[in-house]
Amino acid sequence: MTAVSLRDVWKQFGTYTAIEDLNLDIKDGEFMVFVGPSGCGKTTTLRMLAGLETPTYGRILLGEEDVTLTPPGRRNVSMVFQSYALYPHMTVRQNLSFGPEIRGEAKAEIAGGIDRVARLVGLQSLLNRYPSELSGGQRQRVALARSMIRHPRIFLLDEPLSNLDASLRTHMRTEIAELQRQLGVTAVYVTHDQVEAMTMGHRIAVFDQGRILQVATPSELYRAPANKVVGMFIGSPRMNILPASLARAGDMVRVRCFNISFVVEGRHFVKDPLPENVELGIRPDEIQWVKDAPSRCTETITGIVTSLETTGSDTFVLVDVEGSEINAKFPSFAPVRRGDAVDLVFDPLNLHFFDGETGASLKGNAANQN
């Protein structure tokens, strides 16, 4: 197992800066997930770890070894790509043995390695089949097994589930997380799917425009986003962002949003004086229909239902409130229709506040929010 460190890393392609001043430490045996929108730099960072791209500036360390200029073949890292990249004219067994044979490993060692990884990923009965005879999930297992057979120092995965259907993606992400736990190898996983990130990663690095905005556990990202971009990217459906104003009132802070006013404890806020331009963030599952709200939620916002989306277990309702659209979670198949007036309430303890100019969170860390 190997820890990973990126120190002051930049990557430029001509005049375009893909990665800007990136610093990150990945712990030995950790499952780290890079998440962010397309073009944010997460795959470029993964390719630099693999040695497929060289940093313009900065250093990359695997353990204590500086591998910034080390060729890919000498890093002993394995990478699973978005495409399976299997040899179509070879059986599964031959696909798995090809790399070790090129490296000059003994036949007995190769056979033992194939048996080991085949058991881990459930390929024992498929070793004599060709890729064309396999399903998408089975091909992905072969790609995983091929990367595992060399005992890599780190395991790199670049959106490996993007070509699978929704139900198989759910199954495979559980399998990959369990495999990583069994192997204990340091893993870096790239995805644009925040649900994958939240369910698989020990920690998550949120990328945007070539920079890391926040590195934290899934719980910390959800409960205490460092800024509005992270808050809106993590969580599905996305966080509601509403206009608000704040004013200190002794040890409390008075909040005005739409036509209501309430107070929250001032100790939660890390910035003083509070900015004039403030945005309030609240997640759809933290806004209740007034009929189901807990007793401490007393302030009511009234709006008009514009659309509904029923997922089976829940119904997400878009409500127009004074020209702002709010997404709220209602009970499954709630008896509301487009055009209905509904009353919404929320718990002041579950609110997020962001600087309207910079987007930075105005609250402290997750440990101080309860």
Foldseek 3Di string as FASTA:
>chain_A
DWKKWWAQFWADDVPATQAGGETDIGDQLFEEEEAEDPSQNQVVVLCQVQQVDATPDTFMDTHNDTCRPPHNVPQQEFECEQDLPFDQVDFLLCSLQVVVVVVPDDPVLSVVLLVVLCVLLVCPVRRGPGPVVDDLLVSLSSSVSSRPSSVGQEYEYENNCPPDDDVSSVVVLVSVLVSSVVSSHHYYYYDHDLVSNLVRGQWYFYTGNNYTQDIGHSVQLAQPPQFQVSQQSHDPPGKFKFWWAWDDDDQWIWIDGQHDIDIDGNQFFDDPPDDGGKIKIAHQAQKEFVVPDDPQFDDKFKFFWADWDAPQQWIWTWTQGPNGTDTHIYGHPPPDDGGDITIMTGDPLRMWMAHNVPRGTRGDTSVPSD
